C-alpha atoms as a PDB file:
ATOM      1  CA  MET A   1       0.000   0.000   0.000  1.00  0.00           C
ATOM      2  CA  PHE A   2       2.933   2.337   0.694  1.00  0.00           C
ATOM      3  CA  GLN A   3       4.099   2.074  -2.928  1.00  0.00           C
ATOM      4  CA  LEU A   4       0.574   2.842  -4.094  1.00  0.00           C
ATOM      5  CA  LEU A   5       0.504   5.927  -1.880  1.00  0.00           C
ATOM      6  CA  LEU A   6       3.729   7.113  -3.476  1.00  0.00           C
ATOM      7  CA  LYS A   7       1.971   6.915  -6.846  1.00  0.00           C
ATOM      8  CA  ILE A   8      -1.340   8.568  -6.018  1.00  0.00           C
ATOM      9  CA  ILE A   9      -0.452  11.238  -3.425  1.00  0.00           C
ATOM     10  CA  PRO A  10       1.504  13.373  -5.961  1.00  0.00           C
ATOM     11  CA  LEU A  11      -1.479  13.094  -8.321  1.00  0.00           C
ATOM     12  CA  ASP A  12      -3.906  14.082  -5.562  1.00  0.00           C
ATOM     13  CA  LEU A  13      -1.708  17.001  -4.470  1.00  0.00           C
ATOM     14  CA  ALA A  14      -1.481  18.305  -8.021  1.00  0.00           C
ATOM     15  CA  ALA A  15      -5.272  18.039  -8.332  1.00  0.00           C
ATOM     16  CA  THR A  16      -5.667  20.602  -5.526  1.00  0.00           C
ATOM     17  CA  LEU A  17      -4.121  23.326  -7.711  1.00  0.00           C
ATOM     18  CA  SER A  18      -7.454  24.842  -8.720  1.00  0.00           C
ATOM     19  CA  PRO A  19      -7.111  28.629  -8.373  1.00  0.00           C
ATOM     20  CA  GLY A  20     -10.452  29.277 -10.062  1.00  0.00           C
ATOM     21  CA  ILE A  21     -12.420  27.164  -7.587  1.00  0.00           C
ATOM     22  CA  LEU A  22     -10.383  28.525  -4.688  1.00  0.00           C
ATOM     23  CA  ALA A  23     -11.066  32.095  -5.805  1.00  0.00           C
ATOM     24  CA  VAL A  24     -14.833  31.496  -5.915  1.00  0.00           C
ATOM     25  CA  THR A  25     -14.693  29.864  -2.474  1.00  0.00           C
ATOM     26  CA  LEU A  26     -12.846  32.833  -0.978  1.00  0.00           C
ATOM     27  CA  VAL A  27     -15.298  35.305  -2.482  1.00  0.00           C
ATOM     28  CA  LEU A  28     -18.211  33.266  -1.120  1.00  0.00           C
ATOM     29  CA  LEU A  29     -16.698  33.095   2.359  1.00  0.00           C
ATOM     30  CA  GLY A  30     -15.991  36.819   2.254  1.00  0.00           C
ATOM     31  CA  GLY A  31     -19.661  37.604   1.615  1.00  0.00           C
ATOM     32  CA  LYS A  32     -21.617  39.417   4.282  1.00  0.00           C
ATOM     33  CA  ILE A  33     -24.661  37.122   4.202  1.00  0.00           C
ATOM     34  CA  HIS A  34     -25.205  33.387   3.630  1.00  0.00           C
ATOM     35  CA  SER A  35     -21.452  32.862   3.218  1.00  0.00           C
ATOM     36  CA  LYS A  36     -21.370  29.430   4.892  1.00  0.00           C
ATOM     37  CA  ILE A  37     -24.498  27.952   3.322  1.00  0.00           C
ATOM     38  CA  ARG A  38     -23.450  29.141  -0.136  1.00  0.00           C
ATOM     39  CA  THR A  39     -19.967  27.693   0.300  1.00  0.00           C
ATOM     40  CA  ILE A  40     -21.368  24.360   1.515  1.00  0.00           C
ATOM     41  CA  SER A  41     -23.753  24.306  -1.472  1.00  0.00           C
ATOM     42  CA  PHE A  42     -20.812  25.027  -3.784  1.00  0.00           C
ATOM     43  CA  LEU A  43     -18.903  22.204  -2.083  1.00  0.00           C
ATOM     44  CA  SER A  44     -21.850  19.821  -2.557  1.00  0.00           C
ATOM     45  CA  GLY A  45     -21.780  20.346  -6.321  1.00  0.00           C
ATOM     46  CA  LEU A  46     -18.038  19.714  -6.442  1.00  0.00           C
ATOM     47  CA  LEU A  47     -18.351  16.556  -4.327  1.00  0.00           C
ATOM     48  CA  ILE A  48     -20.917  15.110  -6.740  1.00  0.00           C
ATOM     49  CA  VAL A  49     -18.414  15.488  -9.590  1.00  0.00           C
ATOM     50  CA  GLY A  50     -15.572  14.194  -7.412  1.00  0.00           C
ATOM     51  CA  ILE A  51     -17.500  11.043  -6.486  1.00  0.00           C
ATOM     52  CA  ILE A  52     -18.405  10.357 -10.135  1.00  0.00           C
ATOM     53  CA  VAL A  53     -14.768  10.821 -11.208  1.00  0.00           C
ATOM     54  CA  ALA A  54     -13.526   8.513  -8.428  1.00  0.00           C
ATOM     55  CA  ILE A  55     -16.022   5.809  -9.399  1.00  0.00           C
ATOM     56  CA  LEU A  56     -15.199   6.093 -13.117  1.00  0.00           C
ATOM     57  CA  GLY A  57     -11.454   6.005 -12.485  1.00  0.00           C
ATOM     58  CA  PHE A  58     -11.780   3.039 -10.136  1.00  0.00           C
ATOM     59  CA  ALA A  59     -13.990   1.179 -12.623  1.00  0.00           C
ATOM     60  CA  LEU A  60     -11.502   1.886 -15.419  1.00  0.00           C
ATOM     61  CA  GLY A  61      -8.732   0.424 -13.285  1.00  0.00           C
ATOM     62  CA  LYS A  62     -10.789  -2.691 -12.616  1.00  0.00           C
ATOM     63  CA  VAL A  63     -11.540  -3.398 -16.288  1.00  0.00           C
ATOM     64  CA  ALA A  64      -8.429  -2.065 -18.063  1.00  0.00           C
ATOM     65  CA  PRO A  65      -5.299  -4.185 -18.016  1.00  0.00           C
ATOM     66  CA  SER A  66      -2.225  -2.596 -16.500  1.00  0.00           C
ATOM     67  CA  GLY A  67       0.878  -1.780 -18.487  1.00  0.00           C
ATOM     68  CA  ILE A  68      -0.912  -0.425 -21.554  1.00  0.00           C
ATOM     69  CA  GLY A  69       1.626   1.541 -23.565  1.00  0.00           C
ATOM     70  CA  GLN A  70       1.195   4.441 -25.943  1.00  0.00           C
ATOM     71  CA  ASN A  71      -0.718   3.432 -29.072  1.00  0.00           C
ATOM     72  CA  LEU A  72      -2.251   5.203 -32.080  1.00  0.00           C
ATOM     73  CA  THR A  73      -5.598   5.943 -30.423  1.00  0.00           C
ATOM     74  CA  ILE A  74      -4.058   7.264 -27.205  1.00  0.00           C
ATOM     75  CA  SER A  75      -1.569   9.367 -29.193  1.00  0.00           C
ATOM     76  CA  ILE A  76      -4.333  10.999 -31.265  1.00  0.00           C
ATOM     77  CA  ILE A  77      -6.320  11.725 -28.098  1.00  0.00           C
ATOM     78  CA  ASP A  78      -3.206  13.238 -26.499  1.00  0.00           C
ATOM     79  CA  LEU A  79      -2.695  15.513 -29.524  1.00  0.00           C
ATOM     80  CA  ILE A  80      -6.333  16.667 -29.523  1.00  0.00           C
ATOM     81  CA  LEU A  81      -6.400  17.296 -25.767  1.00  0.00           C
ATOM     82  CA  GLY A  82      -2.988  18.974 -25.835  1.00  0.00           C
ATOM     83  CA  GLY A  83      -4.108  21.315 -28.606  1.00  0.00           C
ATOM     84  CA  PHE A  84      -7.312  22.113 -26.729  1.00  0.00           C
ATOM     85  CA  PHE A  85      -5.408  22.851 -23.521  1.00  0.00           C
ATOM     86  CA  ILE A  86      -3.001  25.239 -25.270  1.00  0.00           C
ATOM     87  CA  ILE A  87      -5.816  27.031 -27.124  1.00  0.00           C
ATOM     88  CA  PHE A  88      -7.813  27.354 -23.912  1.00  0.00           C
ATOM     89  CA  GLY A  89      -4.742  28.622 -22.045  1.00  0.00           C
ATOM     90  CA  ILE A  90      -4.135  31.290 -24.700  1.00  0.00           C
ATOM     91  CA  HIS A  91      -7.811  32.224 -24.537  1.00  0.00           C
ATOM     92  CA  LEU A  92      -7.540  32.668 -20.768  1.00  0.00           C
ATOM     93  CA  ILE A  93      -4.549  34.985 -20.971  1.00  0.00           C
ATOM     94  CA  THR A  94      -5.891  37.081 -23.866  1.00  0.00           C
ATOM     95  CA  SER A  95      -9.519  37.394 -22.779  1.00  0.00           C
ATOM     96  CA  ARG A  96     -10.735  40.232 -20.610  1.00  0.00           C
ATOM     97  CA  GLU A  97     -10.653  39.377 -16.925  1.00  0.00           C
ATOM     98  CA  ARG A  98     -14.058  38.624 -15.462  1.00  0.00           C
ATOM     99  CA  LYS A  99     -14.813  39.807 -11.964  1.00  0.00           C
ATOM    100  CA  ILE A 100     -16.547  37.398  -9.605  1.00  0.00           C
ATOM    101  CA  GLU A 101     -19.565  39.055  -8.089  1.00  0.00           C
ATOM    102  CA  ILE A 102     -21.618  37.423  -5.336  1.00  0.00           C
ATOM    103  CA  SER A 103     -25.153  38.610  -4.841  1.00  0.00           C
ATOM    104  CA  GLN A 104     -25.871  39.912  -1.347  1.00  0.00           C
ATOM    105  CA  GLU A 105     -29.627  39.361  -1.575  1.00  0.00           C
ATOM    106  CA  ASP A 106     -31.475  37.568   1.201  1.00  0.00           C
ATOM    107  CA  ASP A 107     -32.048  34.377  -0.842  1.00  0.00           C
ATOM    108  CA  PRO A 108     -28.970  32.092  -0.431  1.00  0.00           C
ATOM    109  CA  LYS A 109     -29.708  30.480  -3.846  1.00  0.00           C
ATOM    110  CA  ILE A 110     -28.615  27.019  -2.694  1.00  0.00           C
ATOM    111  CA  LEU A 111     -29.482  25.276  -5.982  1.00  0.00           C
ATOM    112  CA  LYS A 112     -27.598  27.916  -7.965  1.00  0.00           C
ATOM    113  CA  TRP A 113     -24.387  27.291  -6.026  1.00  0.00           C
ATOM    114  CA  ILE A 114     -24.751  23.515  -6.188  1.00  0.00           C
ATOM    115  CA  ILE A 115     -24.990  23.841  -9.976  1.00  0.00           C
ATOM    116  CA  ALA A 116     -22.044  26.268  -9.967  1.00  0.00           C
ATOM    117  CA  GLY A 117     -19.987  23.697  -8.062  1.00  0.00           C
ATOM    118  CA  LEU A 118     -20.985  21.025 -10.579  1.00  0.00           C
ATOM    119  CA  ILE A 119     -20.091  23.124 -13.614  1.00  0.00           C
ATOM    120  CA  LEU A 120     -16.821  24.602 -12.355  1.00  0.00           C
ATOM    121  CA  SER A 121     -15.485  21.275 -11.096  1.00  0.00           C
ATOM    122  CA  ALA A 122     -16.660  19.402 -14.216  1.00  0.00           C
ATOM    123  CA  THR A 123     -14.729  21.869 -16.407  1.00  0.00           C
ATOM    124  CA  ASN A 124     -11.637  21.850 -14.199  1.00  0.00           C
ATOM    125  CA  PHE A 125      -9.952  19.458 -16.620  1.00  0.00           C
ATOM    126  CA  ASP A 126      -6.506  19.254 -15.038  1.00  0.00           C
ATOM    127  CA  ALA A 127      -7.887  18.277 -11.620  1.00  0.00           C
ATOM    128  CA  LEU A 128     -10.337  15.838 -13.230  1.00  0.00           C
ATOM    129  CA  PHE A 129      -7.593  14.077 -15.183  1.00  0.00           C
ATOM    130  CA  LEU A 130      -5.290  13.820 -12.157  1.00  0.00           C
ATOM    131  CA  SER A 131      -8.046  12.604  -9.837  1.00  0.00           C
ATOM    132  CA  LEU A 132      -9.247  10.078 -12.428  1.00  0.00           C
ATOM    133  CA  THR A 133      -5.699   8.764 -12.840  1.00  0.00           C
ATOM    134  CA  ALA A 134      -5.247   8.392  -9.075  1.00  0.00           C
ATOM    135  CA  ALA A 135      -8.555   6.506  -8.783  1.00  0.00           C
ATOM    136  CA  ARG A 136      -7.523   4.246 -11.667  1.00  0.00           C
ATOM    137  CA  GLU A 137      -4.308   3.352  -9.839  1.00  0.00           C
ATOM    138  CA  VAL A 138      -6.426   2.328  -6.847  1.00  0.00           C
ATOM    139  CA  GLY A 139      -8.610   0.177  -9.101  1.00  0.00           C
ATOM    140  CA  LEU A 140      -5.533  -1.488 -10.594  1.00  0.00           C
ATOM    141  CA  SER A 141      -4.046  -2.328  -7.188  1.00  0.00           C
ATOM    142  CA  ALA A 142      -4.287  -5.658  -5.374  1.00  0.00           C
ATOM    143  CA  ILE A 143      -4.910  -4.206  -1.888  1.00  0.00           C
ATOM    144  CA  ASN A 144      -8.002  -5.105   0.148  1.00  0.00           C
ATOM    145  CA  ASP A 145     -11.355  -3.404  -0.402  1.00  0.00           C
ATOM    146  CA  LEU A 146     -11.245  -1.364   2.833  1.00  0.00           C
ATOM    147  CA  SER A 147      -7.889   0.130   1.852  1.00  0.00           C
ATOM    148  CA  LYS A 148      -9.237   0.934  -1.605  1.00  0.00           C
ATOM    149  CA  ILE A 149     -12.222   2.747  -0.119  1.00  0.00           C
ATOM    150  CA  LEU A 150      -9.922   4.710   2.204  1.00  0.00           C
ATOM    151  CA  LEU A 151      -7.685   5.769  -0.687  1.00  0.00           C
ATOM    152  CA  LEU A 152     -10.685   6.819  -2.781  1.00  0.00           C
ATOM    153  CA  VAL A 153     -11.934   8.946   0.138  1.00  0.00           C
ATOM    154  CA  ILE A 154      -8.475  10.547   0.404  1.00  0.00           C
ATOM    155  CA  ASN A 155      -8.610  11.181  -3.338  1.00  0.00           C
ATOM    156  CA  LEU A 156     -11.985  12.914  -2.934  1.00  0.00           C
ATOM    157  CA  VAL A 157     -10.744  15.030  -0.012  1.00  0.00           C
ATOM    158  CA  PHE A 158      -7.789  16.300  -2.050  1.00  0.00           C
ATOM    159  CA  PHE A 159     -10.106  17.037  -4.985  1.00  0.00           C
ATOM    160  CA  ALA A 160     -12.303  19.157  -2.677  1.00  0.00           C
ATOM    161  CA  LEU A 161      -9.421  20.763  -0.753  1.00  0.00           C
ATOM    162  CA  PRO A 162      -9.677  24.158  -2.543  1.00  0.00           C
ATOM    163  CA  ILE A 163     -13.070  24.510  -0.832  1.00  0.00           C
ATOM    164  CA  LEU A 164     -12.592  22.401   2.297  1.00  0.00           C
ATOM    165  CA  LEU A 165      -9.439  24.128   3.543  1.00  0.00           C
ATOM    166  CA  PRO A 166     -10.731  27.737   3.418  1.00  0.00           C
ATOM    167  CA  LEU A 167     -14.099  26.636   4.858  1.00  0.00           C
ATOM    168  CA  PHE A 168     -12.408  24.797   7.740  1.00  0.00           C
ATOM    169  CA  LEU A 169     -10.183  27.790   8.463  1.00  0.00           C
ATOM    170  CA  TYR A 170     -13.165  30.124   8.380  1.00  0.00           C
ATOM    171  CA  LEU A 171     -15.128  27.923  10.812  1.00  0.00           C
ATOM    172  CA  ILE A 172     -12.370  27.469  13.412  1.00  0.00           C
ATOM    173  CA  ALA A 173     -10.832  30.945  13.287  1.00  0.00           C
ATOM    174  CA  PRO A 174     -13.176  33.440  11.581  1.00  0.00           C
ATOM    175  CA  GLU A 175     -11.442  36.542  12.969  1.00  0.00           C
ATOM    176  CA  PHE A 176      -8.104  35.406  11.559  1.00  0.00           C
ATOM    177  CA  ALA A 177      -9.579  33.852   8.426  1.00  0.00           C
ATOM    178  CA  GLN A 178     -11.468  36.921   7.198  1.00  0.00           C
ATOM    179  CA  PRO A 179      -8.497  39.278   6.612  1.00  0.00           C
ATOM    180  CA  PHE A 180      -6.258  36.362   5.640  1.00  0.00           C
ATOM    181  CA  LEU A 181      -8.717  35.085   3.041  1.00  0.00           C
ATOM    182  CA  GLU A 182      -9.272  38.597   1.705  1.00  0.00           C
ATOM    183  CA  LYS A 183      -5.536  38.943   1.010  1.00  0.00           C
ATOM    184  CA  ILE A 184      -5.438  35.592  -0.753  1.00  0.00           C
ATOM    185  CA  ASN A 185      -8.570  36.523  -2.674  1.00  0.00           C
ATOM    186  CA  ARG A 186      -7.033  39.774  -3.932  1.00  0.00           C
ATOM    187  CA  PHE A 187      -3.931  37.887  -5.025  1.00  0.00           C
ATOM    188  CA  LEU A 188      -5.946  35.220  -6.859  1.00  0.00           C
ATOM    189  CA  ILE A 189      -8.209  37.740  -8.585  1.00  0.00           C
ATOM    190  CA  LYS A 190      -5.076  39.454  -9.883  1.00  0.00           C
ATOM    191  CA  TYR A 191      -2.964  36.425 -10.786  1.00  0.00           C
ATOM    192  CA  SER A 192      -5.195  33.322 -11.021  1.00  0.00           C
ATOM    193  CA  ARG A 193      -5.555  33.453 -14.804  1.00  0.00           C
ATOM    194  CA  TYR A 194      -1.763  33.536 -15.166  1.00  0.00           C
ATOM    195  CA  LEU A 195      -1.477  30.432 -12.992  1.00  0.00           C
ATOM    196  CA  LEU A 196      -4.168  28.718 -15.045  1.00  0.00           C
ATOM    197  CA  PHE A 197      -2.459  29.808 -18.273  1.00  0.00           C
ATOM    198  CA  ALA A 198       0.834  28.266 -17.146  1.00  0.00           C
ATOM    199  CA  MET A 199      -0.931  25.073 -16.065  1.00  0.00           C
ATOM    200  CA  PHE A 200      -2.761  24.627 -19.374  1.00  0.00           C
ATOM    201  CA  ILE A 201       0.304  25.424 -21.493  1.00  0.00           C
ATOM    202  CA  ILE A 202       2.583  23.055 -19.553  1.00  0.00           C
ATOM    203  CA  PHE A 203       0.076  20.209 -19.485  1.00  0.00           C
ATOM    204  CA  GLY A 204      -0.908  20.772 -23.118  1.00  0.00           C
ATOM    205  CA  THR A 205       2.737  20.731 -24.199  1.00  0.00           C
ATOM    206  CA  ILE A 206       3.345  17.450 -22.357  1.00  0.00           C
ATOM    207  CA  LEU A 207       0.329  15.850 -24.039  1.00  0.00           C
ATOM    208  CA  ILE A 208       1.355  17.045 -27.505  1.00  0.00           C
ATOM    209  CA  PHE A 209       4.936  15.888 -27.002  1.00  0.00           C
ATOM    210  CA  ARG A 210       3.719  12.476 -25.857  1.00  0.00           C
ATOM    211  CA  GLY A 211       1.396  12.222 -28.852  1.00  0.00           C
ATOM    212  CA  ILE A 212       4.030  13.288 -31.413  1.00  0.00           C
ATOM    213  CA  LYS A 213       6.629  10.974 -29.904  1.00  0.00           C
ATOM    214  CA  TYR A 214       4.590   7.934 -30.972  1.00  0.00           C
ATOM    215  CA  PHE A 215       4.834   8.935 -34.665  1.00  0.00           C
ATOM    216  CA  ILE A 216       8.576   9.693 -34.639  1.00  0.00           C
END
């Protein structure tokens, strides 16, 4: 199990690098009304996606044989995804920055924020790919079922960490969390798209290189 942890923990850690989701969470927690219920609703939507991804990855590991190398189909998929990632990254850096505005009306709009959590996490492709890969490694392993369930739960926690960590900090130390989260929020609003740009370009380049390498 220790060797399996060495494989999946780096994947899970990398999946937490979701500045867009973190930025929304910080804005929600910084709201004057309904901050907690909106954040929990946002978290609920993300958890639904996280559970589906964990199940799909685990199922893929159970049915797909291990040791599959690069082939024509995988290489073409890598090239398509890599191109999409680079195009999307360029779009992020060249498009006008959108400000995140949270309504301060009395209605907490629970369903709206559940749907927002679903959409934002479902389009967070880098985290989805990493989390799916980690879950697949669990499915491929020969450890007992209880250990597999534990590792899948850990996978889900890491996937949700961009929301869980600020929410936990806000609940245990609100006086410290408020100014601290506001500083982080200002930083992310200013620089998050640059972080996302770098992430998409790097990951897209790796995918394209891996796809081209098959044909050389």
